[in-house]
């Protein structure tokens, strides 16, 4: 069992920044790929960013140049630094974990999920 708890969401103005955190318990995440997804009301979860056990990263086009995913294995934590936020970034953001050496970008590839944290960007 892997438990994931996200934090760091909130209300921010356009152009602002937020840093999301995802703390894991139950397993050491050093051999897990970690992903961030987001869901807008009425839509499926959309890939945002992922980081492999090696530290290699992958980003959705919408996140490239603005968001940075990182991990601190000593703290069993993964982060998503979001800069230059736009109203279209408004969504619930979810952390996910999968024990794999790949860097999955599909939500079906992840077994473990957090409860999500809401990000709202005002215009």
C-alpha atoms as a PDB file:
ATOM      1  CA  UNK A   1       0.000   0.000   0.000  1.00  0.00           C
ATOM      2  CA  UNK A   2       1.138   3.490  -0.869  1.00  0.00           C
ATOM      3  CA  UNK A   3      -0.579   6.505   0.637  1.00  0.00           C
ATOM      4  CA  UNK A   4      -0.141   9.847  -1.108  1.00  0.00           C
ATOM      5  CA  UNK A   5      -1.126  13.200   0.353  1.00  0.00           C
ATOM      6  CA  UNK A   6      -1.008  16.361  -1.723  1.00  0.00           C
ATOM      7  CA  UNK A   7      -0.787  19.899  -0.393  1.00  0.00           C
ATOM      8  CA  UNK A   8       0.037  23.381  -1.587  1.00  0.00           C
ATOM      9  CA  UNK A   9      -2.978  24.187  -3.687  1.00  0.00           C
ATOM     10  CA  UNK A  10      -4.893  27.414  -3.347  1.00  0.00           C
ATOM     11  CA  UNK A  11      -6.076  30.565  -5.017  1.00  0.00           C
ATOM     12  CA  UNK A  12      -3.543  32.600  -6.968  1.00  0.00           C
ATOM     13  CA  UNK A  13      -3.694  35.401  -9.499  1.00  0.00           C
ATOM     14  CA  UNK A  14      -2.667  35.042 -13.120  1.00  0.00           C
ATOM     15  CA  UNK A  15       1.107  35.040 -13.358  1.00  0.00           C
ATOM     16  CA  UNK A  16       1.547  33.804  -9.833  1.00  0.00           C
ATOM     17  CA  UNK A  17       3.246  30.671  -8.539  1.00  0.00           C
ATOM     18  CA  UNK A  18       2.421  27.699  -6.385  1.00  0.00           C
ATOM     19  CA  UNK A  19       4.398  24.694  -5.249  1.00  0.00           C
ATOM     20  CA  UNK A  20       2.509  21.474  -4.797  1.00  0.00           C
ATOM     21  CA  UNK A  21       3.875  18.748  -2.570  1.00  0.00           C
ATOM     22  CA  UNK A  22       3.046  15.064  -2.444  1.00  0.00           C
ATOM     23  CA  UNK A  23       4.185  13.111   0.578  1.00  0.00           C
ATOM     24  CA  UNK A  24       4.167   9.351   0.402  1.00  0.00           C
ATOM     25  CA  UNK A  25       3.955   6.776   3.129  1.00  0.00           C
ATOM     26  CA  UNK A  26       3.822   3.023   3.206  1.00  0.00           C
ATOM     27  CA  UNK A  27       6.656   2.512   0.755  1.00  0.00           C
ATOM     28  CA  UNK A  28       9.973   4.089  -0.131  1.00  0.00           C
ATOM     29  CA  UNK A  29       9.384   5.886  -3.378  1.00  0.00           C
ATOM     30  CA  UNK A  30      12.911   5.826  -4.731  1.00  0.00           C
ATOM     31  CA  UNK A  31      11.997   3.035  -7.185  1.00  0.00           C
ATOM     32  CA  UNK A  32       8.655   4.528  -8.184  1.00  0.00           C
ATOM     33  CA  UNK A  33       7.792   6.808 -11.052  1.00  0.00           C
ATOM     34  CA  UNK A  34       5.784   9.774  -9.811  1.00  0.00           C
ATOM     35  CA  UNK A  35       3.304  11.773 -11.813  1.00  0.00           C
ATOM     36  CA  UNK A  36       1.131  14.835 -11.511  1.00  0.00           C
ATOM     37  CA  UNK A  37      -2.233  14.952 -13.236  1.00  0.00           C
ATOM     38  CA  UNK A  38      -5.032  17.465 -13.172  1.00  0.00           C
ATOM     39  CA  UNK A  39      -8.761  17.279 -13.672  1.00  0.00           C
ATOM     40  CA  UNK A  40     -11.134  20.045 -14.623  1.00  0.00           C
ATOM     41  CA  UNK A  41     -14.826  19.585 -13.811  1.00  0.00           C
ATOM     42  CA  UNK A  42     -16.452  17.212 -16.263  1.00  0.00           C
ATOM     43  CA  UNK A  43     -13.173  16.138 -17.842  1.00  0.00           C
ATOM     44  CA  UNK A  44     -10.803  13.186 -17.509  1.00  0.00           C
ATOM     45  CA  UNK A  45      -7.523  13.406 -15.678  1.00  0.00           C
ATOM     46  CA  UNK A  46      -4.861  15.048 -17.850  1.00  0.00           C
ATOM     47  CA  UNK A  47      -1.144  14.437 -17.644  1.00  0.00           C
ATOM     48  CA  UNK A  48       0.934  17.342 -16.337  1.00  0.00           C
ATOM     49  CA  UNK A  49       4.385  16.014 -15.475  1.00  0.00           C
ATOM     50  CA  UNK A  50       6.194  12.889 -14.359  1.00  0.00           C
ATOM     51  CA  UNK A  51       9.553  11.969 -12.934  1.00  0.00           C
ATOM     52  CA  UNK A  52      11.219   8.598 -13.095  1.00  0.00           C
ATOM     53  CA  UNK A  53      13.230   6.814 -10.439  1.00  0.00           C
ATOM     54  CA  UNK A  54      16.348   8.028 -12.273  1.00  0.00           C
ATOM     55  CA  UNK A  55      15.228  11.649 -12.034  1.00  0.00           C
ATOM     56  CA  UNK A  56      14.399  11.902 -15.718  1.00  0.00           C
ATOM     57  CA  UNK A  57      11.340  14.065 -16.330  1.00  0.00           C
ATOM     58  CA  UNK A  58       8.518  14.408 -18.820  1.00  0.00           C
ATOM     59  CA  UNK A  59       6.039  17.259 -19.263  1.00  0.00           C
ATOM     60  CA  UNK A  60       2.815  17.975 -21.032  1.00  0.00           C
ATOM     61  CA  UNK A  61       3.172  20.698 -23.658  1.00  0.00           C
ATOM     62  CA  UNK A  62       1.037  22.989 -21.504  1.00  0.00           C
ATOM     63  CA  UNK A  63       3.503  22.629 -18.629  1.00  0.00           C
ATOM     64  CA  UNK A  64       6.799  22.936 -20.473  1.00  0.00           C
ATOM     65  CA  UNK A  65       8.756  26.016 -19.480  1.00  0.00           C
ATOM     66  CA  UNK A  66       6.402  26.886 -16.620  1.00  0.00           C
ATOM     67  CA  UNK A  67       6.227  23.828 -14.353  1.00  0.00           C
ATOM     68  CA  UNK A  68       9.030  21.817 -12.780  1.00  0.00           C
ATOM     69  CA  UNK A  69       8.664  18.410 -11.207  1.00  0.00           C
ATOM     70  CA  UNK A  70      11.237  17.244  -8.697  1.00  0.00           C
ATOM     71  CA  UNK A  71      11.614  14.609  -6.028  1.00  0.00           C
ATOM     72  CA  UNK A  72      13.327  14.276  -2.679  1.00  0.00           C
ATOM     73  CA  UNK A  73      13.661  10.579  -1.993  1.00  0.00           C
ATOM     74  CA  UNK A  74      15.008  11.211   1.496  1.00  0.00           C
ATOM     75  CA  UNK A  75      11.691  12.910   2.328  1.00  0.00           C
ATOM     76  CA  UNK A  76       9.587  10.547   0.206  1.00  0.00           C
ATOM     77  CA  UNK A  77       8.186  13.649  -1.437  1.00  0.00           C
ATOM     78  CA  UNK A  78       7.595  14.860  -4.971  1.00  0.00           C
ATOM     79  CA  UNK A  79       7.023  18.496  -5.860  1.00  0.00           C
ATOM     80  CA  UNK A  80       5.451  20.434  -8.685  1.00  0.00           C
ATOM     81  CA  UNK A  81       6.640  24.022  -8.933  1.00  0.00           C
ATOM     82  CA  UNK A  82       4.161  25.974 -11.031  1.00  0.00           C
ATOM     83  CA  UNK A  83       5.091  29.416 -12.325  1.00  0.00           C
ATOM     84  CA  UNK A  84       3.384  31.868 -14.646  1.00  0.00           C
ATOM     85  CA  UNK A  85       0.025  30.361 -13.800  1.00  0.00           C
ATOM     86  CA  UNK A  86      -2.913  30.934 -16.122  1.00  0.00           C
ATOM     87  CA  UNK A  87      -6.674  30.641 -15.545  1.00  0.00           C
ATOM     88  CA  UNK A  88      -6.682  27.507 -17.705  1.00  0.00           C
ATOM     89  CA  UNK A  89      -4.432  25.833 -15.112  1.00  0.00           C
ATOM     90  CA  UNK A  90      -7.387  25.845 -12.730  1.00  0.00           C
ATOM     91  CA  UNK A  91      -8.068  22.230 -11.773  1.00  0.00           C
ATOM     92  CA  UNK A  92      -7.757  19.640  -9.063  1.00  0.00           C
ATOM     93  CA  UNK A  93      -4.198  18.340  -9.096  1.00  0.00           C
ATOM     94  CA  UNK A  94      -3.431  14.747  -8.250  1.00  0.00           C
ATOM     95  CA  UNK A  95      -0.219  12.968  -7.395  1.00  0.00           C
ATOM     96  CA  UNK A  96       0.273   9.393  -8.597  1.00  0.00           C
ATOM     97  CA  UNK A  97       2.839   6.656  -8.072  1.00  0.00           C
ATOM     98  CA  UNK A  98       3.743   3.526  -9.983  1.00  0.00           C
ATOM     99  CA  UNK A  99       6.546   1.056  -9.368  1.00  0.00           C
ATOM    100  CA  UNK A 100       8.222   1.136 -12.757  1.00  0.00           C
ATOM    101  CA  UNK A 101      11.460   2.172 -14.430  1.00  0.00           C
ATOM    102  CA  UNK A 102       9.547   3.953 -17.169  1.00  0.00           C
ATOM    103  CA  UNK A 103       7.949   7.414 -16.972  1.00  0.00           C
ATOM    104  CA  UNK A 104       4.258   6.832 -17.643  1.00  0.00           C
ATOM    105  CA  UNK A 105       2.188   9.686 -19.001  1.00  0.00           C
ATOM    106  CA  UNK A 106      -1.150   7.898 -18.978  1.00  0.00           C
ATOM    107  CA  UNK A 107      -3.296   7.923 -15.871  1.00  0.00           C
ATOM    108  CA  UNK A 108      -4.175   4.252 -16.478  1.00  0.00           C
ATOM    109  CA  UNK A 109      -0.524   3.364 -15.839  1.00  0.00           C
ATOM    110  CA  UNK A 110      -0.539   4.557 -12.242  1.00  0.00           C
ATOM    111  CA  UNK A 111      -1.800   2.403  -9.406  1.00  0.00           C
ATOM    112  CA  UNK A 112      -1.573   4.755  -6.443  1.00  0.00           C
ATOM    113  CA  UNK A 113      -3.299   8.137  -6.199  1.00  0.00           C
ATOM    114  CA  UNK A 114      -3.693  10.941  -3.747  1.00  0.00           C
ATOM    115  CA  UNK A 115      -6.935  12.747  -2.955  1.00  0.00           C
ATOM    116  CA  UNK A 116      -5.976  15.867  -4.866  1.00  0.00           C
ATOM    117  CA  UNK A 117      -5.451  19.521  -4.121  1.00  0.00           C
ATOM    118  CA  UNK A 118      -7.376  22.345  -5.761  1.00  0.00           C
ATOM    119  CA  UNK A 119      -5.586  25.041  -7.731  1.00  0.00           C
ATOM    120  CA  UNK A 120      -7.574  28.085  -8.776  1.00  0.00           C
ATOM    121  CA  UNK A 121      -6.043  30.821 -10.897  1.00  0.00           C
ATOM    122  CA  UNK A 122      -8.004  34.048 -11.065  1.00  0.00           C
ATOM    123  CA  UNK A 123      -7.857  36.360 -14.063  1.00  0.00           C
END
